Amino acid sequence: MQAQAPSRQEPGSAVEAALLCIPQSPSVSRVRRSASGASVLSPSPRSRPPRLQLVLDIDHTLLHAAHVPGGAEAVPIDGVHSFLLDNPRARRQDRYQVRTRHGLHSFLHEVQKFADVHIYTMAAKSYTRKVLNAIDPEVRLIRGRVLCREDNQPDNFSKSLSHLQPADAEPAELDEFKAAYLVVDDRDEVWDNVSRPHVLQVPAFRAFDSDSQQAADAT
């Protein structure tokens, strides 16, 4: 992505540069986006983060995604995004409709004034890419790290703020970093015991009658 003209880039290129996959092991690569949109190694900070580090879940926190049975062409609905997602196991493409929580974009615009915004989801990478490209294609609202599962990676793990913290920090520094983090999620039981005190649990957002099929498990 060219910083001078982000709208000229290929759709999804900026989002792709942000995606990190949660590995099976506890460690995770620290990556940030450069001004050009490329992923580069991020230097480990050696002091307390200067701003609030806001970590957001996706499904039922920021939005509700529902599977459209049969992959039928979606009827345009004001405020609803639609996209196709490959389903290799069924050898087809599935259609999803996404509606964001009321006021989401205004919230993200305002919170950038005093916080760095990260995404941490148990959703698969291909789904996460589609959703973020639908709600923030030019990466103007969510500019921090994005953690998600590899496609087909099991989700039998707990979320942990340790995945967002510098790997080489001293124990005393880690305490300072943890104090800067606030997590917003509709479920607190998916976080490990150390991270859970930082979780602000919000009511699950549901815009459709049902999920039809759990979107995060579509790949």
Protein backbone atom coordinates (compact mmCIF):
# COMPACT_ATOMS: atom_id res chain seq x y z
CA MET A 1 0.00 0.00 0.00
CA GLN A 2 1.25 3.47 -0.89
CA ALA A 3 0.77 5.83 2.04
CA GLN A 4 0.06 8.74 -0.33
CA ALA A 5 -2.84 7.04 -2.10
CA PRO A 6 -4.21 4.08 -0.13
CA SER A 7 -7.35 3.88 -2.24
CA ARG A 8 -5.28 2.85 -5.29
CA GLN A 9 -4.13 -0.41 -3.73
CA GLU A 10 -5.47 -3.87 -4.46
CA PRO A 11 -8.48 -4.63 -2.22
CA GLY A 12 -7.40 -6.41 0.94
CA SER A 13 -3.65 -5.78 0.52
CA ALA A 14 -3.37 -3.61 3.61
CA VAL A 15 -5.40 -6.03 5.69
CA GLU A 16 -3.26 -8.95 4.53
CA ALA A 17 -0.12 -7.19 5.74
CA ALA A 18 -1.57 -6.95 9.24
CA LEU A 19 -2.54 -10.57 9.76
CA LEU A 20 -0.63 -12.69 12.26
CA CYS A 21 -1.53 -16.27 13.00
CA ILE A 22 -1.52 -17.61 16.53
CA PRO A 23 0.91 -20.54 16.58
CA GLN A 24 0.46 -23.81 18.42
CA SER A 25 3.28 -22.81 20.79
CA PRO A 26 2.95 -19.90 23.25
CA SER A 27 5.38 -17.66 21.37
CA VAL A 28 4.32 -15.52 18.44
CA SER A 29 6.20 -13.33 15.98
CA ARG A 30 6.00 -9.60 16.65
CA VAL A 31 5.15 -7.82 13.42
CA ARG A 32 3.97 -4.34 12.59
CA ARG A 33 3.01 -2.63 9.35
CA SER A 34 5.33 -0.10 7.81
CA ALA A 35 4.03 3.00 6.03
CA SER A 36 4.28 1.05 2.77
CA GLY A 37 2.02 -1.69 4.12
CA ALA A 38 4.75 -4.32 4.33
CA SER A 39 5.18 -6.53 7.38
CA VAL A 40 8.48 -5.91 9.15
CA LEU A 41 10.01 -6.97 12.44
CA SER A 42 8.90 -4.70 15.23
CA PRO A 43 11.47 -3.50 17.76
CA SER A 44 10.63 -4.50 21.31
CA PRO A 45 9.63 -1.45 23.31
CA ARG A 46 11.68 -0.92 26.45
CA SER A 47 9.32 1.32 28.37
CA ARG A 48 5.64 1.48 29.28
CA PRO A 49 3.47 1.83 26.16
CA PRO A 50 2.56 5.54 25.99
CA ARG A 51 -1.07 4.87 25.09
CA LEU A 52 -3.85 2.54 26.05
CA GLN A 53 -3.54 -0.78 24.19
CA LEU A 54 -7.10 -1.70 23.23
CA VAL A 55 -7.59 -5.34 22.20
CA LEU A 56 -10.86 -6.16 20.43
CA ASP A 57 -12.56 -9.45 19.66
CA ILE A 58 -14.48 -9.71 16.36
CA ASP A 59 -17.49 -12.03 16.41
CA HIS A 60 -20.40 -10.90 18.59
CA THR A 61 -18.19 -8.09 19.92
CA LEU A 62 -17.67 -5.79 16.92
CA LEU A 63 -20.13 -7.46 14.58
CA HIS A 64 -22.39 -10.39 13.79
CA ALA A 65 -21.68 -12.56 10.76
CA ALA A 66 -24.29 -15.00 9.46
CA HIS A 67 -23.93 -17.73 6.88
CA VAL A 68 -26.34 -17.45 3.93
CA PRO A 69 -27.43 -21.04 3.14
CA GLY A 70 -26.64 -22.23 -0.35
CA GLY A 71 -24.36 -19.30 -1.16
CA ALA A 72 -27.27 -17.48 -2.75
CA GLU A 73 -26.77 -13.96 -4.00
CA ALA A 74 -27.30 -11.63 -1.07
CA VAL A 75 -30.12 -9.11 -1.26
CA PRO A 76 -28.57 -5.65 -0.66
CA ILE A 77 -29.43 -4.41 2.82
CA ASP A 78 -28.44 -1.00 4.11
CA GLY A 79 -25.59 -1.36 6.61
CA VAL A 80 -24.93 -5.03 5.84
CA HIS A 81 -21.70 -6.23 4.20
CA SER A 82 -21.63 -9.41 2.12
CA PHE A 83 -18.72 -11.59 1.00
CA LEU A 84 -17.89 -15.05 -0.34
CA LEU A 85 -15.55 -17.36 1.56
CA ASP A 86 -13.90 -20.48 0.13
CA ASN A 87 -14.96 -23.71 1.82
CA PRO A 88 -12.34 -26.26 0.65
CA ARG A 89 -13.88 -29.17 2.53
CA ALA A 90 -17.21 -28.73 0.74
CA ARG A 91 -15.53 -27.56 -2.49
CA ARG A 92 -17.69 -24.48 -2.71
CA GLN A 93 -17.90 -20.85 -1.73
CA ASP A 94 -20.11 -19.83 1.19
CA ARG A 95 -21.71 -16.43 1.44
CA TYR A 96 -21.76 -14.43 4.67
CA GLN A 97 -23.56 -11.28 5.67
CA VAL A 98 -22.02 -9.00 8.28
CA ARG A 99 -23.63 -6.25 10.30
CA THR A 100 -21.48 -4.15 12.63
CA ARG A 101 -22.50 -3.14 16.12
CA HIS A 102 -24.25 0.23 16.12
CA GLY A 103 -21.75 3.10 16.33
CA LEU A 104 -18.69 0.91 15.66
CA HIS A 105 -17.00 3.20 13.16
CA SER A 106 -17.58 6.30 15.28
CA PHE A 107 -16.17 4.43 18.28
CA LEU A 108 -13.04 3.38 16.38
CA HIS A 109 -12.50 6.92 15.08
CA GLU A 110 -12.70 8.35 18.59
CA VAL A 111 -10.66 5.71 20.39
CA GLN A 112 -7.68 6.21 18.04
CA LYS A 113 -7.11 9.57 19.75
CA PHE A 114 -5.88 7.87 22.91
CA ALA A 115 -5.37 4.16 22.16
CA ASP A 116 -3.66 1.70 19.83
CA VAL A 117 -6.28 -0.72 18.50
CA HIS A 118 -5.50 -4.43 18.08
CA ILE A 119 -7.62 -7.41 17.03
CA TYR A 120 -7.44 -10.80 18.75
CA THR A 121 -9.85 -13.42 17.42
CA MET A 122 -10.14 -17.19 17.36
CA ALA A 123 -11.51 -16.91 13.83
CA ALA A 124 -9.59 -18.38 10.91
CA LYS A 125 -7.25 -16.24 8.83
CA SER A 126 -9.27 -16.30 5.60
CA TYR A 127 -12.44 -15.26 7.46
CA THR A 128 -10.62 -12.57 9.45
CA ARG A 129 -9.19 -11.12 6.24
CA LYS A 130 -12.63 -10.91 4.63
CA VAL A 131 -14.26 -9.32 7.67
CA LEU A 132 -11.57 -6.69 8.23
CA ASN A 133 -11.49 -5.84 4.53
CA ALA A 134 -15.26 -5.31 4.67
CA ILE A 135 -15.28 -2.99 7.69
CA ASP A 136 -11.88 -1.28 7.34
CA PRO A 137 -10.42 -1.87 3.83
CA GLU A 138 -7.87 0.95 4.00
CA VAL A 139 -6.67 0.15 7.54
CA ARG A 140 -7.59 3.56 8.86
CA LEU A 141 -9.50 2.40 11.95
CA ILE A 142 -7.65 -0.73 13.11
CA ARG A 143 -3.92 -0.10 12.80
CA GLY A 144 -2.40 -2.40 15.42
CA ARG A 145 -1.65 -6.12 15.44
CA VAL A 146 -4.19 -8.67 14.26
CA LEU A 147 -4.03 -12.15 15.81
CA CYS A 148 -6.06 -15.01 14.36
CA ARG A 149 -5.93 -18.76 13.72
CA GLU A 150 -4.42 -20.38 10.66
CA ASP A 151 -7.11 -21.90 8.48
CA ASN A 152 -7.94 -25.36 9.86
CA GLN A 153 -5.93 -24.72 13.04
CA PRO A 154 -7.86 -26.03 16.08
CA ASP A 155 -9.21 -23.41 18.47
CA ASN A 156 -8.55 -25.46 21.60
CA PHE A 157 -6.38 -22.85 23.28
CA SER A 158 -6.86 -19.85 25.53
CA LYS A 159 -6.34 -16.30 24.36
CA SER A 160 -3.41 -14.63 26.11
CA LEU A 161 -2.09 -11.08 26.25
CA SER A 162 1.40 -12.60 26.31
CA HIS A 163 1.07 -12.96 22.53
CA LEU A 164 1.00 -9.17 22.24
CA GLN A 165 3.87 -8.40 24.60
CA PRO A 166 7.60 -8.15 23.77
CA ALA A 167 9.30 -11.53 24.01
CA ASP A 168 12.49 -10.15 25.56
CA ALA A 169 10.94 -7.96 28.26
CA GLU A 170 11.98 -8.41 31.88
CA PRO A 171 9.32 -9.63 34.37
CA ALA A 172 9.04 -6.17 35.92
CA GLU A 173 8.51 -4.64 32.48
CA LEU A 174 5.79 -7.16 31.65
CA ASP A 175 3.79 -5.96 34.64
CA GLU A 176 3.97 -2.42 33.24
CA PHE A 177 2.90 -3.56 29.79
CA LYS A 178 -0.05 -5.53 31.17
CA ALA A 179 -1.30 -2.43 32.96
CA ALA A 180 -1.69 -0.68 29.58
CA TYR A 181 -3.97 -3.35 28.07
CA LEU A 182 -7.76 -3.37 27.98
CA VAL A 183 -9.60 -6.21 26.24
CA VAL A 184 -13.17 -5.91 24.96
CA ASP A 185 -14.78 -9.31 24.32
CA ASP A 186 -18.22 -10.86 24.61
CA ARG A 187 -16.63 -13.89 26.33
CA ASP A 188 -14.14 -13.77 29.19
CA GLU A 189 -13.80 -17.53 29.67
CA VAL A 190 -11.72 -17.85 26.46
CA TRP A 191 -8.87 -15.85 28.06
CA ASP A 192 -6.20 -17.31 30.32
CA ASN A 193 -6.27 -16.57 34.04
CA VAL A 194 -3.53 -13.93 33.82
CA SER A 195 -5.28 -11.99 31.04
CA ARG A 196 -8.84 -12.28 32.33
CA PRO A 197 -8.66 -9.34 34.78
CA HIS A 198 -8.02 -7.08 31.76
CA VAL A 199 -11.20 -8.21 29.97
CA LEU A 200 -14.23 -5.93 29.79
CA GLN A 201 -17.03 -8.33 28.90
CA VAL A 202 -19.80 -6.86 26.75
CA PRO A 203 -23.19 -8.33 25.82
CA ALA A 204 -22.99 -10.49 22.71
CA PHE A 205 -24.15 -8.55 19.63
CA ARG A 206 -26.67 -10.41 17.47
CA ALA A 207 -28.15 -8.73 14.40
CA PHE A 208 -29.59 -11.82 12.71
CA ASP A 209 -31.91 -14.55 13.94
CA SER A 210 -29.05 -17.06 14.02
CA ASP A 211 -25.52 -17.68 12.81
CA SER A 212 -26.82 -20.46 10.55
CA GLN A 213 -23.25 -21.76 10.69
CA GLN A 214 -20.46 -20.49 12.93
CA ALA A 215 -18.55 -18.15 10.64
CA ALA A 216 -15.23 -18.50 12.46
CA ASP A 217 -15.20 -22.25 11.75
CA ALA A 218 -15.95 -21.96 8.06
CA THR A 219 -12.44 -22.96 6.98
